N, C-alpha and C. Protein backbone atom coordinates (compact mmCIF):
# COMPACT_ATOMS: atom_id res chain seq x y z
N LYS A 1 -77.93 56.00 29.23
CA LYS A 1 -76.68 56.22 28.39
C LYS A 1 -75.43 56.56 29.54
N GLU A 2 -75.86 57.09 30.61
CA GLU A 2 -74.33 57.54 31.42
C GLU A 2 -73.94 56.57 31.85
N ALA A 3 -74.48 55.26 31.98
CA ALA A 3 -74.17 53.82 32.29
C ALA A 3 -73.20 53.35 31.36
N GLU A 4 -73.59 53.63 30.15
CA GLU A 4 -72.68 53.07 29.04
C GLU A 4 -71.51 53.94 28.72
N ARG A 5 -71.87 55.07 29.14
CA ARG A 5 -70.35 55.84 28.83
C ARG A 5 -69.18 55.45 29.66
N PRO A 6 -69.35 55.53 31.14
CA PRO A 6 -68.32 54.98 31.79
C PRO A 6 -67.74 53.56 31.35
N ASN A 7 -68.52 52.73 30.88
CA ASN A 7 -68.37 51.53 29.99
C ASN A 7 -67.49 51.91 29.02
N SER A 8 -68.01 52.48 28.46
CA SER A 8 -67.40 52.64 26.87
C SER A 8 -66.18 53.48 27.04
N SER A 9 -66.09 54.09 27.93
CA SER A 9 -64.69 55.10 28.40
C SER A 9 -63.84 53.94 28.92
N ALA A 10 -64.23 53.19 29.69
CA ALA A 10 -63.41 52.03 30.36
C ALA A 10 -63.04 50.89 29.48
N GLU A 11 -63.93 50.84 28.50
CA GLU A 11 -63.38 49.71 27.17
C GLU A 11 -62.43 50.54 26.36
N MET A 12 -62.56 52.00 26.20
CA MET A 12 -61.52 52.56 25.41
C MET A 12 -60.23 52.47 25.87
N ALA A 13 -60.58 52.76 27.19
CA ALA A 13 -58.98 52.63 27.90
C ALA A 13 -58.55 51.40 27.71
N ALA A 14 -59.24 50.52 28.16
CA ALA A 14 -58.60 49.01 27.87
C ALA A 14 -58.35 48.86 26.53
N THR A 15 -59.03 49.18 25.40
CA THR A 15 -58.81 49.08 24.15
C THR A 15 -57.32 49.53 23.76
N LYS A 16 -57.32 50.98 24.23
CA LYS A 16 -56.06 51.49 24.07
C LYS A 16 -54.92 50.82 24.76
N GLU A 17 -55.24 50.38 26.04
CA GLU A 17 -54.05 49.76 26.70
C GLU A 17 -53.68 48.29 25.90
N VAL A 18 -54.83 47.60 25.58
CA VAL A 18 -54.54 46.44 24.59
C VAL A 18 -53.61 46.69 23.40
N VAL A 19 -53.91 47.90 22.69
CA VAL A 19 -53.14 48.18 21.65
C VAL A 19 -51.63 48.67 21.82
N ALA A 20 -51.65 49.35 23.19
CA ALA A 20 -50.33 49.69 23.65
C ALA A 20 -49.44 48.21 23.82
N LEU A 21 -50.14 47.39 24.46
CA LEU A 21 -49.51 46.33 24.72
C LEU A 21 -49.27 45.42 23.82
N ARG A 22 -49.95 45.49 22.57
CA ARG A 22 -49.75 44.72 21.57
C ARG A 22 -48.80 45.21 20.63
N ALA A 23 -48.68 46.70 20.60
CA ALA A 23 -47.58 47.49 19.99
C ALA A 23 -45.76 46.95 20.67
N ARG A 24 -46.27 47.05 21.97
CA ARG A 24 -45.09 46.71 22.67
C ARG A 24 -44.64 45.33 22.48
N ALA A 25 -45.59 44.29 22.45
CA ALA A 25 -45.56 43.06 22.32
C ALA A 25 -44.65 42.92 20.79
N ALA A 26 -45.15 43.72 19.97
CA ALA A 26 -44.53 43.58 18.63
C ALA A 26 -43.16 44.01 18.56
N ALA A 27 -42.92 45.22 19.29
CA ALA A 27 -41.79 45.89 19.17
C ALA A 27 -40.69 44.30 19.95
N VAL A 28 -41.43 43.95 21.09
CA VAL A 28 -40.22 43.00 21.49
C VAL A 28 -40.25 41.81 20.71
N GLU A 29 -40.99 41.32 20.06
CA GLU A 29 -40.77 40.30 19.09
C GLU A 29 -39.69 40.74 18.05
N GLU A 30 -39.74 41.86 17.41
CA GLU A 30 -39.13 42.49 16.44
C GLU A 30 -37.82 42.52 16.93
N GLU A 31 -37.40 43.07 18.48
CA GLU A 31 -36.18 43.14 18.97
C GLU A 31 -35.56 41.96 19.05
N LYS A 32 -36.32 40.71 19.49
CA LYS A 32 -35.88 39.26 19.45
C LYS A 32 -35.72 38.81 18.38
N ARG A 33 -36.02 39.26 17.33
CA ARG A 33 -35.47 38.49 15.94
C ARG A 33 -34.40 39.48 15.52
N ARG A 34 -34.21 40.76 15.71
CA ARG A 34 -32.90 41.30 15.49
C ARG A 34 -31.67 40.38 16.07
N LEU A 35 -32.25 40.28 17.51
CA LEU A 35 -31.07 39.76 18.29
C LEU A 35 -30.87 38.33 18.18
N GLU A 36 -31.89 37.54 17.39
CA GLU A 36 -31.44 36.33 16.94
C GLU A 36 -30.83 36.23 15.79
N ARG A 37 -30.96 37.24 14.66
CA ARG A 37 -30.07 37.69 13.71
C ARG A 37 -28.74 37.67 13.95
N GLU A 38 -28.76 38.65 14.96
CA GLU A 38 -27.27 39.34 15.40
C GLU A 38 -26.64 38.02 15.96
N LYS A 39 -26.80 37.23 16.88
CA LYS A 39 -26.64 36.00 17.40
C LYS A 39 -26.25 35.06 16.25
N ALA A 40 -27.09 34.69 15.11
CA ALA A 40 -26.54 33.58 13.96
C ALA A 40 -25.39 34.60 13.17
N ASP A 41 -25.66 35.78 13.01
CA ASP A 41 -24.30 36.37 12.73
C ASP A 41 -23.08 36.10 13.25
N LEU A 42 -23.19 36.55 14.64
CA LEU A 42 -22.23 36.56 15.33
C LEU A 42 -21.44 34.70 15.10
N GLU A 43 -22.37 33.99 15.53
CA GLU A 43 -21.97 32.59 15.22
C GLU A 43 -21.35 32.10 14.34
N GLU A 44 -21.81 32.56 13.13
CA GLU A 44 -21.30 32.36 11.51
C GLU A 44 -20.13 33.09 11.63
N ASN A 45 -19.76 34.29 12.16
CA ASN A 45 -18.58 35.05 12.07
C ASN A 45 -17.21 34.00 12.65
N ALA A 46 -17.84 33.71 13.90
CA ALA A 46 -17.04 33.16 14.59
C ALA A 46 -16.58 31.50 14.19
N ALA A 47 -17.58 30.81 13.69
CA ALA A 47 -17.30 29.88 12.77
C ALA A 47 -16.35 29.83 11.66
N GLN A 48 -16.43 30.79 10.82
CA GLN A 48 -15.60 31.37 9.84
C GLN A 48 -14.02 31.59 10.48
N GLN A 49 -13.95 32.37 11.50
CA GLN A 49 -12.76 32.66 12.13
C GLN A 49 -12.00 31.47 12.70
N ILE A 50 -12.99 30.51 13.10
CA ILE A 50 -12.28 29.24 13.89
C ILE A 50 -11.73 28.58 12.35
N LYS A 51 -12.82 28.22 11.30
CA LYS A 51 -12.11 27.60 10.00
C LYS A 51 -10.69 28.38 9.62
N GLN A 52 -10.76 29.48 9.42
CA GLN A 52 -9.39 30.36 9.04
C GLN A 52 -8.45 30.03 9.74
N ARG A 53 -8.38 29.98 11.18
CA ARG A 53 -7.42 29.79 12.08
C ARG A 53 -7.09 28.54 12.20
N ALA A 54 -8.02 27.24 11.77
CA ALA A 54 -7.47 26.13 11.72
C ALA A 54 -6.98 25.88 10.56
N ALA A 55 -7.18 26.58 9.42
CA ALA A 55 -6.31 26.37 8.07
C ALA A 55 -5.12 27.17 8.19
N GLU A 56 -4.95 28.09 9.00
CA GLU A 56 -3.63 28.42 9.25
C GLU A 56 -2.84 27.80 10.13
N ALA A 57 -3.25 27.27 11.37
CA ALA A 57 -2.46 26.19 12.02
C ALA A 57 -2.09 25.08 11.17
N ALA A 58 -2.99 24.60 10.28
CA ALA A 58 -2.65 23.35 9.38
C ALA A 58 -1.44 23.79 8.56
N LYS A 59 -1.46 25.09 8.05
CA LYS A 59 -0.72 25.35 7.19
C LYS A 59 0.77 25.68 7.69
N MET A 60 0.80 26.27 8.57
CA MET A 60 2.02 26.55 9.84
C MET A 60 2.50 24.98 10.03
N ARG A 61 1.29 24.00 10.53
CA ARG A 61 2.03 22.98 10.97
C ARG A 61 2.69 21.98 9.68
N LYS A 62 2.09 22.30 8.45
CA LYS A 62 2.82 21.91 7.22
C LYS A 62 4.30 22.56 7.20
N LYS A 63 4.42 23.59 7.32
CA LYS A 63 5.37 24.24 7.10
C LYS A 63 6.65 23.93 8.31
N LEU A 64 6.42 23.63 9.03
CA LEU A 64 7.19 23.13 10.55
C LEU A 64 7.62 21.85 10.00
N GLU A 65 6.46 21.04 9.47
CA GLU A 65 6.94 19.74 9.24
C GLU A 65 7.80 19.48 8.22
N ARG A 66 8.10 20.47 6.96
CA ARG A 66 8.96 20.65 5.99
C ARG A 66 10.18 21.01 6.48
N GLN A 67 10.09 22.01 7.60
CA GLN A 67 11.65 22.73 8.17
C GLN A 67 12.16 21.71 8.93
N GLN A 68 11.20 20.65 9.76
CA GLN A 68 11.71 19.65 10.34
C GLN A 68 12.33 18.47 9.42
N LYS A 69 11.92 18.38 8.38
CA LYS A 69 12.33 17.11 7.70
C LYS A 69 13.58 17.67 6.77
N ALA A 70 13.70 19.03 6.62
CA ALA A 70 14.90 19.66 5.91
C ALA A 70 16.12 19.76 6.89
N HIS A 71 15.62 20.01 8.21
CA HIS A 71 16.68 20.11 9.31
C HIS A 71 17.08 18.54 9.43
N ALA A 72 16.27 17.31 9.62
CA ALA A 72 16.76 16.05 9.65
C ALA A 72 17.43 15.69 8.60
N LYS A 73 17.18 15.93 7.32
CA LYS A 73 18.00 15.68 6.23
C LYS A 73 19.54 16.13 6.50
N GLU A 74 19.50 17.97 6.65
CA GLU A 74 20.75 18.11 6.88
C GLU A 74 21.59 17.57 8.05
N THR A 75 20.53 17.19 9.09
CA THR A 75 21.44 16.44 10.18
C THR A 75 21.95 15.28 9.71
N GLN A 76 20.94 14.39 9.17
CA GLN A 76 21.69 13.23 8.31
C GLN A 76 22.91 13.20 7.70
N LYS A 77 22.82 14.31 6.83
CA LYS A 77 23.72 14.67 5.79
C LYS A 77 25.31 14.78 6.63
N LEU A 78 25.25 15.86 7.68
CA LEU A 78 26.38 16.20 8.26
C LEU A 78 26.52 14.83 9.16
N SER A 79 25.87 14.05 9.57
CA SER A 79 26.26 12.87 10.43
C SER A 79 27.07 12.03 9.64
N ASP A 80 26.60 11.73 8.37
CA ASP A 80 27.08 10.67 7.34
C ASP A 80 28.65 11.41 7.08
N GLU A 81 28.53 12.72 6.83
CA GLU A 81 30.04 13.21 6.47
C GLU A 81 30.66 13.03 7.63
N LEU A 82 30.28 13.31 8.72
CA LEU A 82 31.26 13.48 10.13
C LEU A 82 31.43 11.76 10.35
N TYR A 83 30.93 10.71 9.90
CA TYR A 83 31.11 9.56 10.03
C TYR A 83 32.15 8.86 9.15
N ALA A 84 31.94 9.65 7.85
CA ALA A 84 33.04 9.23 6.65
C ALA A 84 34.22 9.79 7.15
N ALA A 85 34.35 11.14 8.00
CA ALA A 85 35.64 11.75 8.12
C ALA A 85 36.28 10.45 9.30
N GLN A 86 35.57 10.24 10.19
CA GLN A 86 35.89 9.58 11.18
C GLN A 86 36.47 7.98 11.03
N LEU A 87 35.82 7.41 9.82
CA LEU A 87 36.16 6.19 9.58
C LEU A 87 37.78 6.13 8.81
N GLU A 88 37.67 7.50 7.92
CA GLU A 88 39.01 7.67 6.95
C GLU A 88 40.20 7.84 8.14
N LEU A 89 39.85 8.88 9.13
CA LEU A 89 40.85 9.08 10.34
C LEU A 89 41.40 7.70 11.02
N PHE A 90 40.11 6.82 11.34
CA PHE A 90 40.62 5.77 11.88
C PHE A 90 41.39 4.77 11.23
N GLN A 91 41.20 4.58 10.02
CA GLN A 91 41.58 3.88 8.94
C GLN A 91 43.06 4.36 8.78
N ALA A 92 43.22 5.69 8.64
CA ALA A 92 44.57 6.17 8.65
C ALA A 92 45.46 6.21 9.98
N ASN A 93 44.62 6.24 11.21
CA ASN A 93 45.64 5.73 12.50
C ASN A 93 46.05 4.03 12.41
N MET A 94 45.16 3.61 11.69
CA MET A 94 45.36 1.77 11.74
C MET A 94 46.35 1.52 10.88
N THR A 95 46.87 2.45 9.98
CA THR A 95 47.77 2.00 9.01
C THR A 95 48.99 1.68 9.77
N ILE A 96 50.00 0.66 9.10
CA ILE A 96 51.41 0.29 9.69
C ILE A 96 52.23 1.58 9.84
N ASN A 97 52.85 1.46 10.75
CA ASN A 97 54.03 2.82 10.65
C ASN A 97 55.21 2.14 10.16
N GLN A 98 55.58 3.06 9.19
CA GLN A 98 56.64 2.37 8.35
C GLN A 98 57.98 1.87 9.18
N SER A 99 58.24 2.72 10.11
CA SER A 99 59.52 2.44 11.24
C SER A 99 59.37 1.22 11.79
N GLY A 100 58.47 1.12 12.55
CA GLY A 100 58.21 -0.07 13.56
C GLY A 100 57.32 -0.81 13.26
N GLY A 101 56.49 -0.67 12.32
CA GLY A 101 55.42 -2.26 11.91
C GLY A 101 54.50 -2.00 12.93
N ILE A 102 53.96 -1.21 13.78
CA ILE A 102 53.08 -1.11 14.73
C ILE A 102 52.08 0.20 14.44
N PRO A 103 51.05 -0.52 14.52
CA PRO A 103 49.69 0.56 13.90
C PRO A 103 50.06 1.89 15.06
N VAL A 104 50.06 3.19 14.25
CA VAL A 104 50.16 4.46 15.14
C VAL A 104 49.25 4.39 16.14
N MET A 105 47.95 3.95 16.18
CA MET A 105 47.41 4.10 17.36
C MET A 105 47.47 3.27 18.55
N LEU A 106 48.61 2.40 18.38
CA LEU A 106 48.79 1.85 19.29
C LEU A 106 50.20 1.89 19.69
N ASP A 107 51.07 2.98 19.17
CA ASP A 107 52.33 3.89 19.30
C ASP A 107 52.52 4.16 20.58
N ARG A 108 51.31 4.59 21.26
CA ARG A 108 51.73 5.42 22.34
C ARG A 108 51.61 4.19 23.64
N PHE A 109 51.48 3.00 23.18
CA PHE A 109 51.66 1.94 24.38
C PHE A 109 52.97 1.40 24.44
N VAL A 110 53.90 1.77 23.38
CA VAL A 110 55.41 1.15 23.16
C VAL A 110 56.16 2.02 23.78
N ILE A 111 57.40 1.83 24.31
CA ILE A 111 58.05 2.79 25.19
C ILE A 111 58.66 3.60 24.13
N ASN A 112 59.77 3.39 23.08
CA ASN A 112 60.21 4.32 22.33
C ASN A 112 59.46 4.25 21.05
N ASN A 113 58.48 5.18 20.91
CA ASN A 113 57.78 4.92 19.64
C ASN A 113 57.62 6.52 18.84
N PRO A 114 57.59 6.33 17.83
CA PRO A 114 57.97 7.56 17.03
C PRO A 114 56.99 8.61 17.19
N ALA A 115 55.78 8.59 17.73
CA ALA A 115 54.76 9.63 18.11
C ALA A 115 55.21 10.36 19.36
N GLY A 116 56.31 9.81 20.02
CA GLY A 116 56.81 10.40 21.40
C GLY A 116 55.65 10.33 22.42
N PHE A 117 54.73 9.39 22.69
CA PHE A 117 54.04 9.48 23.65
C PHE A 117 54.75 8.43 24.77
N GLU A 118 54.37 9.04 25.92
CA GLU A 118 55.06 8.24 27.12
C GLU A 118 54.06 8.03 28.45
N LEU A 119 54.05 6.86 28.65
CA LEU A 119 53.25 6.40 29.78
C LEU A 119 53.86 6.61 31.25
N LYS A 120 53.14 7.28 31.97
CA LYS A 120 54.18 7.34 33.31
C LYS A 120 52.74 6.91 34.45
N PHE A 121 53.61 6.37 35.45
CA PHE A 121 52.36 5.85 36.57
C PHE A 121 52.92 7.06 37.80
N GLY A 122 51.36 7.39 38.29
CA GLY A 122 51.60 8.45 39.49
C GLY A 122 51.95 7.32 40.68
N SER A 123 51.86 8.25 41.66
CA SER A 123 52.15 7.67 43.19
C SER A 123 50.35 7.19 43.71
N LEU A 124 50.36 6.37 44.62
CA LEU A 124 49.22 6.11 45.38
C LEU A 124 48.40 7.23 45.57
N ASP A 125 49.16 8.34 46.12
CA ASP A 125 48.58 9.74 46.41
C ASP A 125 47.72 10.20 45.09
N ASN A 126 48.48 9.99 44.04
CA ASN A 126 47.95 10.69 42.77
C ASN A 126 46.49 10.01 42.45
N PHE A 127 46.55 8.60 42.63
CA PHE A 127 45.39 7.76 42.35
C PHE A 127 44.21 8.21 43.28
N ARG A 128 44.57 8.33 44.52
CA ARG A 128 43.61 8.77 45.70
C ARG A 128 43.01 10.14 45.23
N SER A 129 43.57 10.79 44.89
CA SER A 129 43.28 12.25 44.80
C SER A 129 42.08 12.38 43.81
N GLY A 130 42.25 11.56 42.57
CA GLY A 130 41.51 11.69 41.40
C GLY A 130 42.02 12.84 40.67
N LEU A 131 41.29 13.37 39.79
CA LEU A 131 41.32 14.21 38.77
C LEU A 131 41.49 15.62 39.42
N SER A 132 40.75 15.62 40.69
CA SER A 132 40.77 16.91 41.30
C SER A 132 42.25 17.46 41.93
N GLY A 133 42.92 16.34 41.84
CA GLY A 133 44.18 16.37 42.37
C GLY A 133 45.05 17.22 41.40
N PHE A 134 44.84 17.01 40.24
CA PHE A 134 45.71 17.16 39.21
C PHE A 134 44.70 18.42 38.57
N LEU A 135 43.86 18.25 38.45
CA LEU A 135 42.86 19.61 37.94
C LEU A 135 42.61 20.82 38.81
N GLY A 136 42.52 20.33 40.26
CA GLY A 136 42.14 21.34 41.23
C GLY A 136 40.45 21.10 41.04
N ASP A 137 40.20 21.84 42.05
CA ASP A 137 38.72 21.91 42.72
C ASP A 137 37.79 22.35 41.36
N PRO A 138 36.38 21.68 41.65
CA PRO A 138 35.30 21.90 40.44
C PRO A 138 35.20 23.22 40.47
N PRO A 139 34.73 23.83 39.08
CA PRO A 139 34.37 25.17 39.15
C PRO A 139 33.18 25.63 40.32
N PRO A 140 33.20 26.86 40.73
CA PRO A 140 32.47 27.21 41.66
C PRO A 140 31.12 27.38 41.16
N ALA A 141 30.01 27.32 42.05
CA ALA A 141 28.61 27.51 41.60
C ALA A 141 28.31 28.73 41.20
N HIS A 142 27.51 28.98 40.28
CA HIS A 142 26.98 30.21 39.46
C HIS A 142 26.77 31.38 40.71
N GLY A 143 27.36 32.57 40.74
CA GLY A 143 27.04 33.60 41.82
C GLY A 143 28.17 33.52 42.82
N GLU A 144 28.93 32.55 42.94
CA GLU A 144 30.09 32.53 43.74
C GLU A 144 31.47 32.75 43.42
N VAL A 145 31.43 33.11 42.35
CA VAL A 145 32.80 33.50 41.21
C VAL A 145 33.63 34.38 42.15
N LEU A 146 33.09 35.70 42.49
CA LEU A 146 34.06 36.16 43.42
C LEU A 146 34.37 35.93 44.53
N ALA A 147 33.67 35.41 45.50
CA ALA A 147 34.07 35.10 46.66
C ALA A 147 35.10 33.82 46.65
N THR A 148 35.09 32.87 45.41
CA THR A 148 35.98 32.18 45.19
C THR A 148 37.18 32.57 44.76
N ILE A 149 37.27 33.63 44.00
CA ILE A 149 38.33 34.29 43.70
C ILE A 149 38.81 34.66 44.74
N MET A 150 38.33 35.50 45.69
CA MET A 150 38.80 36.30 47.03
C MET A 150 39.56 35.30 47.57
N ALA A 151 38.83 33.75 48.05
CA ALA A 151 39.26 32.92 49.02
C ALA A 151 40.65 32.24 48.16
N GLU A 152 40.72 32.45 46.79
CA GLU A 152 41.68 31.68 46.31
C GLU A 152 43.16 33.11 46.71
N HIS A 153 42.76 34.08 46.41
CA HIS A 153 43.76 34.88 46.62
C HIS A 153 44.42 35.64 48.16
N CYS A 154 43.07 35.53 48.97
CA CYS A 154 43.55 36.18 50.22
C CYS A 154 43.26 35.00 51.34
N GLU A 155 42.99 33.94 51.01
CA GLU A 155 42.72 33.09 52.29
C GLU A 155 43.54 31.88 52.33
N ARG A 156 44.22 31.92 51.34
CA ARG A 156 45.23 30.42 51.12
C ARG A 156 46.34 30.66 51.89
N ALA A 157 47.27 29.58 52.24
CA ALA A 157 48.40 29.69 52.85
C ALA A 157 49.44 30.67 52.23
N ASP A 158 49.47 30.31 50.83
CA ASP A 158 50.55 31.47 50.26
C ASP A 158 49.79 32.86 50.04
N SER A 159 48.86 33.14 50.44
CA SER A 159 48.09 34.54 49.86
C SER A 159 49.26 35.86 49.97
N SER A 160 50.10 35.60 51.17
CA SER A 160 51.17 36.68 51.54
C SER A 160 52.25 36.38 51.10
N THR A 161 52.73 35.47 50.58
CA THR A 161 54.01 35.00 49.61
C THR A 161 54.17 35.77 48.55
N ILE A 162 55.33 36.82 48.56
CA ILE A 162 55.78 37.93 47.72
C ILE A 162 56.50 37.15 46.75
N PHE A 163 55.83 37.52 45.56
CA PHE A 163 56.54 37.08 43.94
C PHE A 163 56.64 38.10 43.13
N GLU A 164 57.39 37.81 42.15
CA GLU A 164 57.92 38.89 41.09
C GLU A 164 57.00 38.50 39.78
N VAL A 165 56.13 39.50 39.48
CA VAL A 165 55.45 39.36 37.92
C VAL A 165 56.42 39.29 36.96
N ALA A 166 56.45 38.33 35.98
CA ALA A 166 57.52 38.37 35.10
C ALA A 166 57.27 39.46 33.96
N ASN A 167 55.97 39.78 33.42
CA ASN A 167 55.94 40.56 32.50
C ASN A 167 56.25 42.04 32.78
N TYR A 168 56.36 42.80 34.00
CA TYR A 168 56.58 43.99 34.55
C TYR A 168 57.62 44.02 35.67
N GLY A 169 57.85 42.76 36.06
CA GLY A 169 58.92 42.95 37.16
C GLY A 169 58.36 43.33 38.58
N THR A 170 56.92 43.50 38.45
CA THR A 170 56.28 44.08 39.84
C THR A 170 56.24 42.68 40.77
N ILE A 171 56.74 43.38 41.92
CA ILE A 171 56.62 42.70 43.36
C ILE A 171 55.61 42.66 44.06
N THR A 172 54.84 41.73 44.40
CA THR A 172 53.40 41.83 44.75
C THR A 172 53.42 40.30 45.68
N ALA A 173 51.96 40.13 46.27
CA ALA A 173 51.57 39.15 46.70
C ALA A 173 50.07 38.93 46.12
N SER A 174 49.49 37.67 46.20
CA SER A 174 48.38 37.33 45.44
C SER A 174 47.05 38.37 46.25
N CYS A 175 47.49 38.42 47.51
CA CYS A 175 46.37 39.08 48.26
C CYS A 175 46.33 40.75 47.94
N ILE A 176 47.34 41.22 47.84
CA ILE A 176 47.70 42.57 47.12
C ILE A 176 46.98 42.51 45.83
N GLU A 177 47.74 41.80 45.00
CA GLU A 177 47.07 41.59 43.73
C GLU A 177 45.65 41.72 43.52
N PHE A 178 44.95 41.18 44.37
CA PHE A 178 43.17 40.86 44.07
C PHE A 178 42.71 42.05 44.35
N PHE A 179 43.32 42.62 45.62
CA PHE A 179 42.58 44.08 45.94
C PHE A 179 42.94 45.29 45.13
N PHE A 180 44.03 45.30 44.49
CA PHE A 180 44.40 45.96 43.33
C PHE A 180 43.56 46.09 42.23
N VAL A 181 43.39 44.82 41.77
CA VAL A 181 42.48 44.60 40.56
C VAL A 181 40.88 44.76 40.93
N VAL A 182 40.53 44.25 41.91
CA VAL A 182 39.15 44.54 42.45
C VAL A 182 38.68 45.70 42.87
């Protein structure tokens, strides 16, 4: 009997261990099923959110397309109105001038025209200097405005030439004016 008892106690311990392992395995299986359900729920929620966002995006796309069509119609309407106004102006300009019988558009090419236009030819230097000779240098790059204004007022040949300001009668030079204002 003694030999059976240790066996029996060993068997009991083994049986308890097996029961505990089975209980643990059942708990693990239950946790696995719970996690799988949770995963399925999360996937379903994600799929619903994707569908919802896709529907919202489609709705916004349609709204944007409607706005673009309305804008295109408005642009076309304005374009048509502008074209009609230009055509009317062109036709008015092409009417025969009552005094000379010359279309108004061509008036400026006639020496004594009622519109008062006069063509003048410049010198060869005017031709070679181009528009910058008439209009001056191009505008300075962004950020160089103050340096350019200072150069124009203080570094030119006439920067120290004295002149009288017409509105107040102040006598000054462009260099002094620059430093007073800035």
